[in-house]
Amino acid sequence: MKATIIKISFILLFLSFMGAGCEKDERHPLCYQGKVISLNQGGRCYNIIEIIETIKDGEIAVGNTISFDPILYGATLNVGDVVYFKITHYEVWVGPATTECRWPRFIAQIEFCKN
């Protein structure tokens, strides 16, 4: 009886160790997650990312928008793509806004994360 209980407890312990090491989101702790909501396409409008997940103690909250340079991504981006990035510098955007374009809340310099 004791041998059966010991075997079952080892099996349960082994299964718990197997599940504890699986983490689906293994991104860098300083990388924000954002969704591309606007691309300039050679016009006068901004390339904009909406932040959908922030870092711990992040200064920019979820839902805010930032401008970015899509050339730094190194691949083709489309509206709706999810990207991971670090914000190296930002400031509140101040300037005229027209109705034909979406405007970001912040002007930012970012580095894309390799996820």
N, C-alpha and C. Protein backbone atom coordinates (compact mmCIF):
# COMPACT_ATOMS: atom_id res chain seq x y z
N MET A 1 0.82 -1.19 0.00
CA MET A 1 0.00 0.00 0.00
C MET A 1 0.87 1.26 0.00
N LYS A 2 1.91 1.25 0.86
CA LYS A 2 2.79 2.41 0.92
C LYS A 2 3.52 2.61 -0.41
N ALA A 3 3.91 1.53 -1.04
CA ALA A 3 4.62 1.63 -2.32
C ALA A 3 3.73 2.25 -3.39
N THR A 4 2.46 1.93 -3.39
CA THR A 4 1.52 2.49 -4.36
C THR A 4 1.34 3.99 -4.13
N ILE A 5 1.21 4.39 -2.88
CA ILE A 5 1.06 5.81 -2.55
C ILE A 5 2.31 6.58 -2.94
N ILE A 6 3.47 6.02 -2.69
CA ILE A 6 4.73 6.68 -3.05
C ILE A 6 4.84 6.82 -4.57
N LYS A 7 4.48 5.78 -5.31
CA LYS A 7 4.53 5.84 -6.77
C LYS A 7 3.58 6.90 -7.32
N ILE A 8 2.38 6.94 -6.78
CA ILE A 8 1.39 7.93 -7.24
C ILE A 8 1.86 9.34 -6.91
N SER A 9 2.43 9.53 -5.72
CA SER A 9 2.91 10.87 -5.36
C SER A 9 4.08 11.29 -6.24
N PHE A 10 4.97 10.37 -6.60
CA PHE A 10 6.06 10.70 -7.52
C PHE A 10 5.54 11.06 -8.91
N ILE A 11 4.55 10.35 -9.36
CA ILE A 11 3.95 10.66 -10.67
C ILE A 11 3.31 12.05 -10.65
N LEU A 12 2.56 12.35 -9.59
CA LEU A 12 1.94 13.68 -9.48
C LEU A 12 2.99 14.78 -9.37
N LEU A 13 4.04 14.52 -8.61
CA LEU A 13 5.13 15.49 -8.48
C LEU A 13 5.81 15.72 -9.82
N PHE A 14 6.07 14.66 -10.56
CA PHE A 14 6.68 14.77 -11.88
C PHE A 14 5.80 15.58 -12.83
N LEU A 15 4.50 15.31 -12.83
CA LEU A 15 3.58 16.05 -13.70
C LEU A 15 3.51 17.53 -13.32
N SER A 16 3.58 17.83 -12.03
CA SER A 16 3.55 19.24 -11.63
C SER A 16 4.82 19.97 -12.07
N PHE A 17 5.97 19.29 -12.03
CA PHE A 17 7.21 19.90 -12.51
C PHE A 17 7.18 20.11 -14.01
N MET A 18 6.57 19.21 -14.73
CA MET A 18 6.47 19.34 -16.19
C MET A 18 5.64 20.57 -16.56
N GLY A 19 4.55 20.80 -15.86
CA GLY A 19 3.67 21.92 -16.18
C GLY A 19 4.18 23.25 -15.66
N ALA A 20 5.00 23.25 -14.62
CA ALA A 20 5.47 24.50 -14.03
C ALA A 20 6.45 25.23 -14.92
N GLY A 21 7.17 24.53 -15.77
CA GLY A 21 8.18 25.16 -16.60
C GLY A 21 7.66 25.72 -17.91
N CYS A 22 6.41 25.55 -18.20
CA CYS A 22 5.86 26.00 -19.48
C CYS A 22 5.28 27.39 -19.34
N GLU A 23 5.91 28.34 -20.00
CA GLU A 23 5.38 29.69 -20.03
C GLU A 23 5.26 30.09 -21.49
N LYS A 24 4.06 30.44 -21.90
CA LYS A 24 3.82 30.72 -23.31
C LYS A 24 4.40 32.06 -23.75
N ASP A 25 4.36 33.06 -22.87
CA ASP A 25 4.80 34.40 -23.25
C ASP A 25 6.20 34.65 -22.69
N GLU A 26 7.23 34.34 -23.46
CA GLU A 26 8.60 34.49 -23.00
C GLU A 26 9.23 35.73 -23.63
N ARG A 27 8.67 36.88 -23.42
CA ARG A 27 9.24 38.08 -23.99
C ARG A 27 10.10 38.79 -22.95
N HIS A 28 10.92 39.67 -23.43
CA HIS A 28 11.81 40.44 -22.57
C HIS A 28 10.97 41.29 -21.62
N PRO A 29 11.36 41.43 -20.34
CA PRO A 29 10.53 42.18 -19.39
C PRO A 29 10.41 43.67 -19.69
N LEU A 30 11.26 44.22 -20.56
CA LEU A 30 11.17 45.64 -20.90
C LEU A 30 10.46 45.89 -22.23
N CYS A 31 9.85 44.87 -22.80
CA CYS A 31 9.20 45.01 -24.10
C CYS A 31 7.69 45.20 -23.96
N TYR A 32 7.21 46.28 -24.54
CA TYR A 32 5.78 46.52 -24.63
C TYR A 32 5.21 45.66 -25.75
N GLN A 33 3.91 45.43 -25.71
CA GLN A 33 3.22 44.75 -26.81
C GLN A 33 2.25 45.77 -27.40
N GLY A 34 2.27 45.88 -28.72
CA GLY A 34 1.40 46.85 -29.36
C GLY A 34 0.84 46.34 -30.67
N LYS A 35 -0.20 47.02 -31.14
CA LYS A 35 -0.83 46.66 -32.40
C LYS A 35 -0.71 47.83 -33.36
N VAL A 36 -0.28 47.56 -34.58
CA VAL A 36 -0.15 48.60 -35.60
C VAL A 36 -1.56 49.03 -36.00
N ILE A 37 -1.87 50.32 -35.83
CA ILE A 37 -3.22 50.79 -36.18
C ILE A 37 -3.22 51.76 -37.34
N SER A 38 -2.05 52.26 -37.73
CA SER A 38 -1.98 53.19 -38.85
C SER A 38 -0.59 53.13 -39.47
N LEU A 39 -0.55 53.09 -40.80
CA LEU A 39 0.72 53.15 -41.52
C LEU A 39 0.65 54.30 -42.51
N ASN A 40 1.73 55.04 -42.58
CA ASN A 40 1.82 56.24 -43.39
C ASN A 40 1.61 55.97 -44.87
N GLN A 41 2.23 54.94 -45.40
CA GLN A 41 2.15 54.59 -46.82
C GLN A 41 2.54 55.76 -47.73
N GLY A 42 3.51 56.57 -47.32
CA GLY A 42 4.01 57.65 -48.15
C GLY A 42 3.20 58.93 -48.07
N GLY A 43 2.19 58.98 -47.25
CA GLY A 43 1.36 60.17 -47.11
C GLY A 43 1.85 61.08 -46.01
N ARG A 44 0.97 61.94 -45.54
CA ARG A 44 1.34 62.90 -44.50
C ARG A 44 1.01 62.41 -43.10
N CYS A 45 0.39 61.27 -42.97
CA CYS A 45 -0.04 60.78 -41.67
C CYS A 45 1.08 60.02 -40.96
N TYR A 46 0.84 59.68 -39.71
CA TYR A 46 1.84 59.00 -38.88
C TYR A 46 1.70 57.49 -38.95
N ASN A 47 2.81 56.81 -38.66
CA ASN A 47 2.82 55.37 -38.40
C ASN A 47 2.56 55.23 -36.90
N ILE A 48 1.49 54.52 -36.54
CA ILE A 48 1.05 54.52 -35.14
C ILE A 48 0.88 53.10 -34.62
N ILE A 49 1.36 52.90 -33.39
CA ILE A 49 1.14 51.66 -32.64
C ILE A 49 0.30 51.99 -31.42
N GLU A 50 -0.72 51.17 -31.16
CA GLU A 50 -1.50 51.27 -29.93
C GLU A 50 -0.96 50.24 -28.94
N ILE A 51 -0.65 50.68 -27.73
CA ILE A 51 -0.11 49.79 -26.72
C ILE A 51 -1.23 48.91 -26.18
N ILE A 52 -1.04 47.58 -26.28
CA ILE A 52 -2.07 46.65 -25.79
C ILE A 52 -1.61 45.90 -24.54
N GLU A 53 -0.31 45.92 -24.25
CA GLU A 53 0.19 45.35 -23.00
C GLU A 53 1.45 46.10 -22.61
N THR A 54 1.48 46.58 -21.39
CA THR A 54 2.59 47.40 -20.93
C THR A 54 3.56 46.58 -20.08
N ILE A 55 4.70 47.16 -19.80
CA ILE A 55 5.68 46.50 -18.94
C ILE A 55 5.34 46.80 -17.48
N LYS A 56 5.96 46.06 -16.58
CA LYS A 56 5.76 46.31 -15.16
C LYS A 56 6.31 47.70 -14.84
N ASP A 57 5.54 48.50 -14.15
CA ASP A 57 5.90 49.88 -13.80
C ASP A 57 6.14 50.73 -15.04
N GLY A 58 5.45 50.45 -16.12
CA GLY A 58 5.60 51.23 -17.35
C GLY A 58 5.00 52.61 -17.21
N GLU A 59 5.62 53.58 -17.85
CA GLU A 59 5.15 54.96 -17.77
C GLU A 59 4.03 55.24 -18.76
N ILE A 60 3.95 54.48 -19.83
CA ILE A 60 2.90 54.68 -20.82
C ILE A 60 1.87 53.57 -20.65
N ALA A 61 0.62 53.96 -20.46
CA ALA A 61 -0.44 53.01 -20.14
C ALA A 61 -1.01 52.33 -21.38
N VAL A 62 -1.71 51.24 -21.14
CA VAL A 62 -2.41 50.52 -22.20
C VAL A 62 -3.45 51.45 -22.83
N GLY A 63 -3.56 51.39 -24.14
CA GLY A 63 -4.52 52.22 -24.86
C GLY A 63 -3.92 53.47 -25.46
N ASN A 64 -2.75 53.89 -24.98
CA ASN A 64 -2.09 55.05 -25.56
C ASN A 64 -1.48 54.68 -26.91
N THR A 65 -1.27 55.69 -27.73
CA THR A 65 -0.71 55.48 -29.05
C THR A 65 0.63 56.19 -29.17
N ILE A 66 1.54 55.58 -29.94
CA ILE A 66 2.85 56.17 -30.16
C ILE A 66 3.17 56.12 -31.65
N SER A 67 3.99 57.06 -32.08
CA SER A 67 4.48 57.03 -33.46
C SER A 67 5.72 56.14 -33.50
N PHE A 68 6.05 55.63 -34.68
CA PHE A 68 7.24 54.78 -34.81
C PHE A 68 7.72 54.81 -36.25
N ASP A 69 8.94 54.31 -36.45
CA ASP A 69 9.52 54.21 -37.79
C ASP A 69 9.47 52.75 -38.22
N PRO A 70 8.62 52.40 -39.19
CA PRO A 70 8.47 50.99 -39.58
C PRO A 70 9.71 50.40 -40.27
N ILE A 71 10.61 51.24 -40.75
CA ILE A 71 11.84 50.74 -41.39
C ILE A 71 12.70 49.99 -40.37
N LEU A 72 12.64 50.41 -39.10
CA LEU A 72 13.42 49.76 -38.05
C LEU A 72 12.97 48.33 -37.79
N TYR A 73 11.76 47.98 -38.19
CA TYR A 73 11.24 46.63 -37.95
C TYR A 73 11.98 45.58 -38.76
N GLY A 74 12.39 45.95 -39.96
CA GLY A 74 13.17 45.03 -40.78
C GLY A 74 12.36 44.07 -41.61
N ALA A 75 11.06 44.13 -41.52
CA ALA A 75 10.18 43.26 -42.31
C ALA A 75 8.93 44.06 -42.65
N THR A 76 8.09 43.49 -43.47
CA THR A 76 6.86 44.18 -43.86
C THR A 76 5.87 44.17 -42.71
N LEU A 77 5.32 45.34 -42.43
CA LEU A 77 4.29 45.47 -41.41
C LEU A 77 2.95 45.77 -42.07
N ASN A 78 1.89 45.29 -41.48
CA ASN A 78 0.54 45.56 -41.95
C ASN A 78 -0.28 46.07 -40.78
N VAL A 79 -1.34 46.82 -41.08
CA VAL A 79 -2.25 47.27 -40.04
C VAL A 79 -2.85 46.04 -39.37
N GLY A 80 -2.83 46.03 -38.04
CA GLY A 80 -3.35 44.89 -37.28
C GLY A 80 -2.27 43.96 -36.76
N ASP A 81 -1.03 44.10 -37.25
CA ASP A 81 0.07 43.25 -36.77
C ASP A 81 0.39 43.58 -35.31
N VAL A 82 0.74 42.55 -34.55
CA VAL A 82 1.16 42.73 -33.16
C VAL A 82 2.68 42.73 -33.13
N VAL A 83 3.27 43.74 -32.47
CA VAL A 83 4.72 43.88 -32.40
C VAL A 83 5.14 44.05 -30.94
N TYR A 84 6.40 43.73 -30.67
CA TYR A 84 6.99 43.88 -29.34
C TYR A 84 8.15 44.86 -29.46
N PHE A 85 8.24 45.80 -28.51
CA PHE A 85 9.23 46.87 -28.64
C PHE A 85 9.57 47.47 -27.28
N LYS A 86 10.76 48.09 -27.23
CA LYS A 86 11.20 48.87 -26.07
C LYS A 86 11.10 50.33 -26.46
N ILE A 87 10.69 51.16 -25.53
CA ILE A 87 10.63 52.60 -25.77
C ILE A 87 11.89 53.21 -25.16
N THR A 88 12.74 53.80 -26.02
CA THR A 88 13.99 54.40 -25.54
C THR A 88 13.81 55.87 -25.16
N HIS A 89 12.89 56.55 -25.83
CA HIS A 89 12.62 57.96 -25.55
C HIS A 89 11.22 58.28 -26.05
N TYR A 90 10.51 59.13 -25.32
CA TYR A 90 9.19 59.56 -25.78
C TYR A 90 8.87 60.94 -25.22
N GLU A 91 7.97 61.61 -25.88
CA GLU A 91 7.44 62.88 -25.40
C GLU A 91 6.01 63.03 -25.92
N VAL A 92 5.24 63.82 -25.22
CA VAL A 92 3.85 64.04 -25.62
C VAL A 92 3.84 64.80 -26.94
N TRP A 93 3.01 64.33 -27.86
CA TRP A 93 2.92 64.98 -29.16
C TRP A 93 2.12 66.26 -29.03
N VAL A 94 2.68 67.35 -29.53
CA VAL A 94 2.00 68.64 -29.53
C VAL A 94 2.06 69.18 -30.94
N GLY A 95 0.95 69.52 -31.49
CA GLY A 95 0.95 70.05 -32.84
C GLY A 95 -0.45 70.10 -33.40
N PRO A 96 -0.57 70.61 -34.60
CA PRO A 96 -1.90 70.68 -35.20
C PRO A 96 -2.38 69.29 -35.60
N ALA A 97 -3.66 69.05 -35.47
CA ALA A 97 -4.24 67.77 -35.88
C ALA A 97 -5.33 68.04 -36.90
N THR A 98 -5.30 67.28 -37.97
CA THR A 98 -6.34 67.41 -38.98
C THR A 98 -7.21 66.16 -38.95
N THR A 99 -8.36 66.24 -39.55
CA THR A 99 -9.31 65.14 -39.46
C THR A 99 -8.99 63.99 -40.40
N GLU A 100 -8.17 64.19 -41.41
CA GLU A 100 -7.91 63.09 -42.35
C GLU A 100 -6.90 62.08 -41.83
N CYS A 101 -6.25 62.36 -40.70
CA CYS A 101 -5.24 61.44 -40.16
C CYS A 101 -5.54 61.10 -38.71
N ARG A 102 -5.04 59.93 -38.29
CA ARG A 102 -5.02 59.59 -36.87
C ARG A 102 -3.73 60.18 -36.31
N TRP A 103 -3.78 60.66 -35.09
CA TRP A 103 -2.61 61.29 -34.49
C TRP A 103 -2.22 60.55 -33.22
N PRO A 104 -0.91 60.36 -33.00
CA PRO A 104 -0.46 59.63 -31.80
C PRO A 104 -0.54 60.49 -30.56
N ARG A 105 -0.60 59.86 -29.42
CA ARG A 105 -0.54 60.57 -28.14
C ARG A 105 0.91 60.93 -27.81
N PHE A 106 1.84 60.06 -28.22
CA PHE A 106 3.26 60.27 -27.94
C PHE A 106 4.09 60.11 -29.21
N ILE A 107 5.14 60.90 -29.31
CA ILE A 107 6.18 60.71 -30.32
C ILE A 107 7.26 59.88 -29.62
N ALA A 108 7.66 58.77 -30.21
CA ALA A 108 8.57 57.87 -29.50
C ALA A 108 9.68 57.36 -30.40
N GLN A 109 10.80 57.06 -29.76
CA GLN A 109 11.87 56.31 -30.40
C GLN A 109 11.83 54.92 -29.79
N ILE A 110 11.72 53.91 -30.64
CA ILE A 110 11.58 52.55 -30.13
C ILE A 110 12.60 51.63 -30.76
N GLU A 111 12.85 50.51 -30.07
CA GLU A 111 13.66 49.41 -30.59
C GLU A 111 12.77 48.18 -30.57
N PHE A 112 12.66 47.50 -31.68
CA PHE A 112 11.83 46.30 -31.74
C PHE A 112 12.53 45.15 -31.03
N CYS A 113 11.77 44.35 -30.31
CA CYS A 113 12.29 43.17 -29.62
C CYS A 113 12.23 41.98 -30.56
N LYS A 114 13.13 41.06 -30.39
CA LYS A 114 13.16 39.86 -31.23
C LYS A 114 12.39 38.75 -30.54
N ASN A 115 11.08 38.69 -30.77
CA ASN A 115 10.22 37.64 -30.18
C ASN A 115 9.75 36.72 -31.26
